[in-house]
Amino acid sequence: MQKLVDGLILYYGSYCEVRNPQLEKCAKRKDFGKGFYLTTSREQAISFLKIALIKAENGGIIKSGQEYGVISRFEVHLKYELNSYVFQNADAEWLHCIAAHRKKNSFLEVKQEMEGYDVIAGKIADDATNRTLVAYISGTFGDMGSERADEFCIGQLLPERLKNQYCFKTEKALECLQFVEGEKIWLKK
């Protein structure tokens, strides 16, 4: 997992170009809480385009049938010292953070600690892993937070295959992102 450094290139996949991300438009109950999520993987950003189009169409934001998405590329310029936390591995600490943000009233100490960060980075729990995380949170693997449930869930997620994500949680953090360009990506039906 790469630390947040000057010059780091990050990508965001959406139904439109995003030059100026706004926290008030960001969804809650994401892996690291409310924030603007990016990745170092252009391929990962492209994989989110279909989902972004479906959500935008269902929400009436775009017309039915849009066949392209846009990858917005940003460069990190650390104007300020940001309070950042990087999960180096998809381990129990990472899993508890995700569960704390996805399920109300779970791992409250973890959630409270994470609220103090401008940026949180770690492996991404994407749609391919969502079923496993839902099973973990619902107690299918045993008590959430138990060593047995944690180990089983992490093993199912195949953490070595997971890509990364950077969650910019504060206005101060967003000010350290410089928009570089938007690239239209045509999707095959």
C-alpha atoms as a PDB file:
ATOM      1  CA  MET A   1       0.000   0.000   0.000  1.00  0.00           C
ATOM      2  CA  GLN A   2       1.499   3.279  -1.095  1.00  0.00           C
ATOM      3  CA  LYS A   3       1.684   6.205   1.325  1.00  0.00           C
ATOM      4  CA  LEU A   4       0.170   9.523   0.372  1.00  0.00           C
ATOM      5  CA  VAL A   5       3.019  11.507  -1.218  1.00  0.00           C
ATOM      6  CA  ASP A   6       3.418  14.493  -3.515  1.00  0.00           C
ATOM      7  CA  GLY A   7       2.947  13.518  -7.136  1.00  0.00           C
ATOM      8  CA  LEU A   8       0.885  10.398  -6.435  1.00  0.00           C
ATOM      9  CA  ILE A   9      -1.565   9.836  -9.321  1.00  0.00           C
ATOM     10  CA  LEU A  10      -5.094   8.765  -8.358  1.00  0.00           C
ATOM     11  CA  TYR A  11      -8.142   7.890 -10.468  1.00  0.00           C
ATOM     12  CA  TYR A  12     -11.878   8.269 -10.013  1.00  0.00           C
ATOM     13  CA  GLY A  13     -14.479   6.554 -12.210  1.00  0.00           C
ATOM     14  CA  SER A  14     -17.919   8.106 -12.707  1.00  0.00           C
ATOM     15  CA  TYR A  15     -20.671   8.884 -15.202  1.00  0.00           C
ATOM     16  CA  CYS A  16     -19.115  12.358 -15.702  1.00  0.00           C
ATOM     17  CA  GLU A  17     -15.862  14.216 -15.277  1.00  0.00           C
ATOM     18  CA  VAL A  18     -15.236  15.305 -11.689  1.00  0.00           C
ATOM     19  CA  ARG A  19     -12.969  18.341 -11.427  1.00  0.00           C
ATOM     20  CA  ASN A  20     -13.995  19.573  -7.970  1.00  0.00           C
ATOM     21  CA  PRO A  21     -15.149  16.798  -5.634  1.00  0.00           C
ATOM     22  CA  GLN A  22     -17.623  17.855  -2.941  1.00  0.00           C
ATOM     23  CA  LEU A  23     -17.942  16.002   0.344  1.00  0.00           C
ATOM     24  CA  GLU A  24     -21.656  16.801   0.673  1.00  0.00           C
ATOM     25  CA  LYS A  25     -22.261  14.692  -2.461  1.00  0.00           C
ATOM     26  CA  CYS A  26     -20.366  11.699  -1.069  1.00  0.00           C
ATOM     27  CA  ALA A  27     -22.283   8.711   0.250  1.00  0.00           C
ATOM     28  CA  LYS A  28     -22.176   7.511   3.849  1.00  0.00           C
ATOM     29  CA  ARG A  29     -21.623   3.923   4.970  1.00  0.00           C
ATOM     30  CA  LYS A  30     -18.624   3.317   2.725  1.00  0.00           C
ATOM     31  CA  ASP A  31     -15.546   1.303   3.777  1.00  0.00           C
ATOM     32  CA  PHE A  32     -13.746   4.185   5.492  1.00  0.00           C
ATOM     33  CA  GLY A  33     -16.766   6.411   6.017  1.00  0.00           C
ATOM     34  CA  LYS A  34     -18.013   9.393   4.085  1.00  0.00           C
ATOM     35  CA  GLY A  35     -15.415  10.761   1.682  1.00  0.00           C
ATOM     36  CA  PHE A  36     -14.154  11.017  -1.887  1.00  0.00           C
ATOM     37  CA  TYR A  37     -12.681   7.630  -2.895  1.00  0.00           C
ATOM     38  CA  LEU A  38      -9.894   7.224  -5.438  1.00  0.00           C
ATOM     39  CA  THR A  39      -7.451   4.489  -6.458  1.00  0.00           C
ATOM     40  CA  THR A  40      -3.965   4.224  -7.941  1.00  0.00           C
ATOM     41  CA  SER A  41      -5.373   1.611 -10.344  1.00  0.00           C
ATOM     42  CA  ARG A  42      -6.796   3.030 -13.570  1.00  0.00           C
ATOM     43  CA  GLU A  43      -8.279  -0.429 -14.260  1.00  0.00           C
ATOM     44  CA  GLN A  44     -10.049  -0.394 -10.899  1.00  0.00           C
ATOM     45  CA  ALA A  45     -11.522   3.028 -11.679  1.00  0.00           C
ATOM     46  CA  ILE A  46     -12.720   1.757 -15.067  1.00  0.00           C
ATOM     47  CA  SER A  47     -14.373  -1.239 -13.389  1.00  0.00           C
ATOM     48  CA  PHE A  48     -16.576   1.190 -11.402  1.00  0.00           C
ATOM     49  CA  LEU A  49     -17.939   2.916 -14.492  1.00  0.00           C
ATOM     50  CA  LYS A  50     -20.827   0.497 -15.167  1.00  0.00           C
ATOM     51  CA  ILE A  51     -21.986   0.712 -11.541  1.00  0.00           C
ATOM     52  CA  ALA A  52     -21.727   4.520 -11.603  1.00  0.00           C
ATOM     53  CA  LEU A  53     -23.816   4.655 -14.785  1.00  0.00           C
ATOM     54  CA  ILE A  54     -26.494   2.362 -13.344  1.00  0.00           C
ATOM     55  CA  LYS A  55     -26.724   4.408 -10.119  1.00  0.00           C
ATOM     56  CA  ALA A  56     -26.845   7.719 -12.025  1.00  0.00           C
ATOM     57  CA  GLU A  57     -29.512   6.401 -14.403  1.00  0.00           C
ATOM     58  CA  ASN A  58     -31.617   4.975 -11.560  1.00  0.00           C
ATOM     59  CA  GLY A  59     -31.297   8.281  -9.698  1.00  0.00           C
ATOM     60  CA  GLY A  60     -32.452  10.252 -12.727  1.00  0.00           C
ATOM     61  CA  ILE A  61     -29.121  12.066 -12.996  1.00  0.00           C
ATOM     62  CA  ILE A  62     -28.416  10.884 -16.545  1.00  0.00           C
ATOM     63  CA  LYS A  63     -30.595   9.724 -19.411  1.00  0.00           C
ATOM     64  CA  SER A  64     -31.025   6.050 -20.087  1.00  0.00           C
ATOM     65  CA  GLY A  65     -28.534   4.542 -22.506  1.00  0.00           C
ATOM     66  CA  GLN A  66     -25.384   6.558 -21.797  1.00  0.00           C
ATOM     67  CA  GLU A  67     -22.636   4.314 -23.130  1.00  0.00           C
ATOM     68  CA  TYR A  68     -19.586   5.978 -21.626  1.00  0.00           C
ATOM     69  CA  GLY A  69     -18.123   6.913 -18.297  1.00  0.00           C
ATOM     70  CA  VAL A  70     -15.265   9.236 -17.405  1.00  0.00           C
ATOM     71  CA  ILE A  71     -12.043   8.555 -15.545  1.00  0.00           C
ATOM     72  CA  SER A  72     -10.915  11.700 -13.729  1.00  0.00           C
ATOM     73  CA  ARG A  73      -7.201  11.754 -12.981  1.00  0.00           C
ATOM     74  CA  PHE A  74      -5.829  13.657 -10.004  1.00  0.00           C
ATOM     75  CA  GLU A  75      -2.359  14.382  -8.694  1.00  0.00           C
ATOM     76  CA  VAL A  76      -1.652  14.757  -4.992  1.00  0.00           C
ATOM     77  CA  HIS A  77       0.001  18.037  -3.931  1.00  0.00           C
ATOM     78  CA  LEU A  78       0.427  18.090  -0.169  1.00  0.00           C
ATOM     79  CA  LYS A  79      -0.235  21.770   0.560  1.00  0.00           C
ATOM     80  CA  TYR A  80      -0.872  20.880   4.183  1.00  0.00           C
ATOM     81  CA  GLU A  81       0.238  18.217   6.583  1.00  0.00           C
ATOM     82  CA  LEU A  82      -2.607  15.721   6.456  1.00  0.00           C
ATOM     83  CA  ASN A  83      -3.446  13.326   9.235  1.00  0.00           C
ATOM     84  CA  SER A  84      -3.416  10.061   7.266  1.00  0.00           C
ATOM     85  CA  TYR A  85      -3.893   6.440   8.165  1.00  0.00           C
ATOM     86  CA  VAL A  86      -2.756   3.649   5.842  1.00  0.00           C
ATOM     87  CA  PHE A  87      -3.858   0.057   6.320  1.00  0.00           C
ATOM     88  CA  GLN A  88      -0.900  -1.862   4.920  1.00  0.00           C
ATOM     89  CA  ASN A  89      -2.823  -5.145   4.776  1.00  0.00           C
ATOM     90  CA  ALA A  90      -6.340  -6.493   4.637  1.00  0.00           C
ATOM     91  CA  ASP A  91      -6.195  -7.749   8.219  1.00  0.00           C
ATOM     92  CA  ALA A  92      -8.512  -7.769  11.248  1.00  0.00           C
ATOM     93  CA  GLU A  93      -7.877  -4.070  11.960  1.00  0.00           C
ATOM     94  CA  TRP A  94      -8.877  -3.188   8.367  1.00  0.00           C
ATOM     95  CA  LEU A  95     -11.914  -5.486   8.521  1.00  0.00           C
ATOM     96  CA  HIS A  96     -13.118  -3.926  11.794  1.00  0.00           C
ATOM     97  CA  CYS A  97     -12.796  -0.434  10.276  1.00  0.00           C
ATOM     98  CA  ILE A  98     -14.952  -1.442   7.297  1.00  0.00           C
ATOM     99  CA  ALA A  99     -17.533  -3.114   9.548  1.00  0.00           C
ATOM    100  CA  ALA A 100     -17.600  -0.020  11.812  1.00  0.00           C
ATOM    101  CA  HIS A 101     -18.466   2.195   8.865  1.00  0.00           C
ATOM    102  CA  ARG A 102     -20.919  -0.163   7.178  1.00  0.00           C
ATOM    103  CA  LYS A 103     -22.938  -1.247  10.242  1.00  0.00           C
ATOM    104  CA  LYS A 104     -24.245   1.188  12.813  1.00  0.00           C
ATOM    105  CA  ASN A 105     -23.117   0.694  16.400  1.00  0.00           C
ATOM    106  CA  SER A 106     -20.323  -1.750  15.613  1.00  0.00           C
ATOM    107  CA  PHE A 107     -16.688  -1.226  16.564  1.00  0.00           C
ATOM    108  CA  LEU A 108     -17.509   2.232  17.901  1.00  0.00           C
ATOM    109  CA  GLU A 109     -13.966   2.861  19.188  1.00  0.00           C
ATOM    110  CA  VAL A 110     -12.548   2.118  15.738  1.00  0.00           C
ATOM    111  CA  LYS A 111     -15.028   4.420  14.030  1.00  0.00           C
ATOM    112  CA  GLN A 112     -14.318   7.216  16.507  1.00  0.00           C
ATOM    113  CA  GLU A 113     -10.549   6.854  16.016  1.00  0.00           C
ATOM    114  CA  MET A 114     -10.905   6.958  12.221  1.00  0.00           C
ATOM    115  CA  GLU A 115     -12.932  10.194  12.380  1.00  0.00           C
ATOM    116  CA  GLY A 116      -9.712  11.984  13.287  1.00  0.00           C
ATOM    117  CA  TYR A 117      -8.075  11.377   9.910  1.00  0.00           C
ATOM    118  CA  ASP A 118      -8.104  13.530   6.778  1.00  0.00           C
ATOM    119  CA  VAL A 119      -7.265  10.561   4.539  1.00  0.00           C
ATOM    120  CA  ILE A 120      -7.612   6.816   5.092  1.00  0.00           C
ATOM    121  CA  ALA A 121      -6.083   4.344   2.647  1.00  0.00           C
ATOM    122  CA  GLY A 122      -6.198   0.575   2.370  1.00  0.00           C
ATOM    123  CA  LYS A 123      -7.429  -2.324   0.341  1.00  0.00           C
ATOM    124  CA  ILE A 124     -10.796  -1.931  -1.359  1.00  0.00           C
ATOM    125  CA  ALA A 125     -13.760  -4.082  -0.454  1.00  0.00           C
ATOM    126  CA  ASP A 126     -15.549  -3.827  -3.802  1.00  0.00           C
ATOM    127  CA  ASP A 127     -18.738  -5.344  -5.213  1.00  0.00           C
ATOM    128  CA  ALA A 128     -16.966  -8.665  -5.770  1.00  0.00           C
ATOM    129  CA  THR A 129     -16.265  -8.900  -2.033  1.00  0.00           C
ATOM    130  CA  ASN A 130     -19.504  -7.339  -0.798  1.00  0.00           C
ATOM    131  CA  ARG A 131     -21.319 -10.654  -0.283  1.00  0.00           C
ATOM    132  CA  THR A 132     -18.527 -11.876   2.005  1.00  0.00           C
ATOM    133  CA  LEU A 133     -18.583  -8.645   4.030  1.00  0.00           C
ATOM    134  CA  VAL A 134     -22.368  -8.771   4.396  1.00  0.00           C
ATOM    135  CA  ALA A 135     -22.073 -12.353   5.665  1.00  0.00           C
ATOM    136  CA  TYR A 136     -19.385 -11.278   8.161  1.00  0.00           C
ATOM    137  CA  ILE A 137     -21.425  -8.318   9.426  1.00  0.00           C
ATOM    138  CA  SER A 138     -24.568 -10.446   9.779  1.00  0.00           C
ATOM    139  CA  GLY A 139     -22.715 -13.033  11.883  1.00  0.00           C
ATOM    140  CA  THR A 140     -22.688 -15.862   9.347  1.00  0.00           C
ATOM    141  CA  PHE A 141     -19.015 -16.625  10.112  1.00  0.00           C
ATOM    142  CA  GLY A 142     -19.488 -16.305  13.878  1.00  0.00           C
ATOM    143  CA  ASP A 143     -19.421 -13.296  16.172  1.00  0.00           C
ATOM    144  CA  MET A 144     -18.212 -10.216  14.343  1.00  0.00           C
ATOM    145  CA  GLY A 145     -14.813  -9.338  15.779  1.00  0.00           C
ATOM    146  CA  SER A 146     -14.003 -12.849  16.957  1.00  0.00           C
ATOM    147  CA  GLU A 147     -10.680 -14.257  15.795  1.00  0.00           C
ATOM    148  CA  ARG A 148     -12.451 -17.144  14.045  1.00  0.00           C
ATOM    149  CA  ALA A 149     -14.875 -14.922  12.116  1.00  0.00           C
ATOM    150  CA  ASP A 150     -12.137 -12.412  11.234  1.00  0.00           C
ATOM    151  CA  GLU A 151      -9.750 -15.060   9.901  1.00  0.00           C
ATOM    152  CA  PHE A 152     -12.451 -16.835   7.910  1.00  0.00           C
ATOM    153  CA  CYS A 153     -13.744 -13.625   6.339  1.00  0.00           C
ATOM    154  CA  ILE A 154     -10.279 -12.333   5.409  1.00  0.00           C
ATOM    155  CA  GLY A 155      -9.423 -15.722   3.902  1.00  0.00           C
ATOM    156  CA  GLN A 156     -12.551 -15.583   1.742  1.00  0.00           C
ATOM    157  CA  LEU A 157     -11.693 -12.078   0.514  1.00  0.00           C
ATOM    158  CA  LEU A 158      -8.364 -13.184  -0.998  1.00  0.00           C
ATOM    159  CA  PRO A 159      -6.673  -9.982   0.235  1.00  0.00           C
ATOM    160  CA  GLU A 160      -3.656 -10.388  -2.040  1.00  0.00           C
ATOM    161  CA  ARG A 161      -5.960  -9.746  -5.016  1.00  0.00           C
ATOM    162  CA  LEU A 162      -7.647  -6.624  -3.635  1.00  0.00           C
ATOM    163  CA  LYS A 163      -6.808  -3.224  -5.133  1.00  0.00           C
ATOM    164  CA  ASN A 164      -6.340  -0.044  -3.095  1.00  0.00           C
ATOM    165  CA  GLN A 165      -8.482   2.937  -2.229  1.00  0.00           C
ATOM    166  CA  TYR A 166      -7.814   6.371  -0.783  1.00  0.00           C
ATOM    167  CA  CYS A 167     -10.656   8.102   1.056  1.00  0.00           C
ATOM    168  CA  PHE A 168     -10.319  11.888   1.244  1.00  0.00           C
ATOM    169  CA  LYS A 169     -12.529  12.740   4.230  1.00  0.00           C
ATOM    170  CA  THR A 170     -12.015  16.478   4.805  1.00  0.00           C
ATOM    171  CA  GLU A 171     -12.028  19.720   2.816  1.00  0.00           C
ATOM    172  CA  LYS A 172      -8.372  20.160   3.764  1.00  0.00           C
ATOM    173  CA  ALA A 173      -7.596  16.786   2.147  1.00  0.00           C
ATOM    174  CA  LEU A 174      -9.576  17.605  -1.008  1.00  0.00           C
ATOM    175  CA  GLU A 175      -7.548  20.805  -1.406  1.00  0.00           C
ATOM    176  CA  CYS A 176      -4.485  18.577  -1.866  1.00  0.00           C
ATOM    177  CA  LEU A 177      -5.970  16.985  -4.994  1.00  0.00           C
ATOM    178  CA  GLN A 178      -5.254  18.678  -8.306  1.00  0.00           C
ATOM    179  CA  PHE A 179      -7.449  17.678 -11.248  1.00  0.00           C
ATOM    180  CA  VAL A 180      -5.279  16.687 -14.217  1.00  0.00           C
ATOM    181  CA  GLU A 181      -7.688  15.429 -16.888  1.00  0.00           C
ATOM    182  CA  GLY A 182     -10.860  13.547 -17.647  1.00  0.00           C
ATOM    183  CA  GLU A 183     -10.847  10.611 -20.046  1.00  0.00           C
ATOM    184  CA  LYS A 184     -14.044   9.389 -21.682  1.00  0.00           C
ATOM    185  CA  ILE A 185     -14.261   5.592 -21.671  1.00  0.00           C
ATOM    186  CA  TRP A 186     -16.773   3.911 -23.995  1.00  0.00           C
ATOM    187  CA  LEU A 187     -18.305   0.805 -22.477  1.00  0.00           C
ATOM    188  CA  LYS A 188     -19.273  -2.325 -24.347  1.00  0.00           C
ATOM    189  CA  LYS A 189     -22.855  -3.439 -23.837  1.00  0.00           C
END
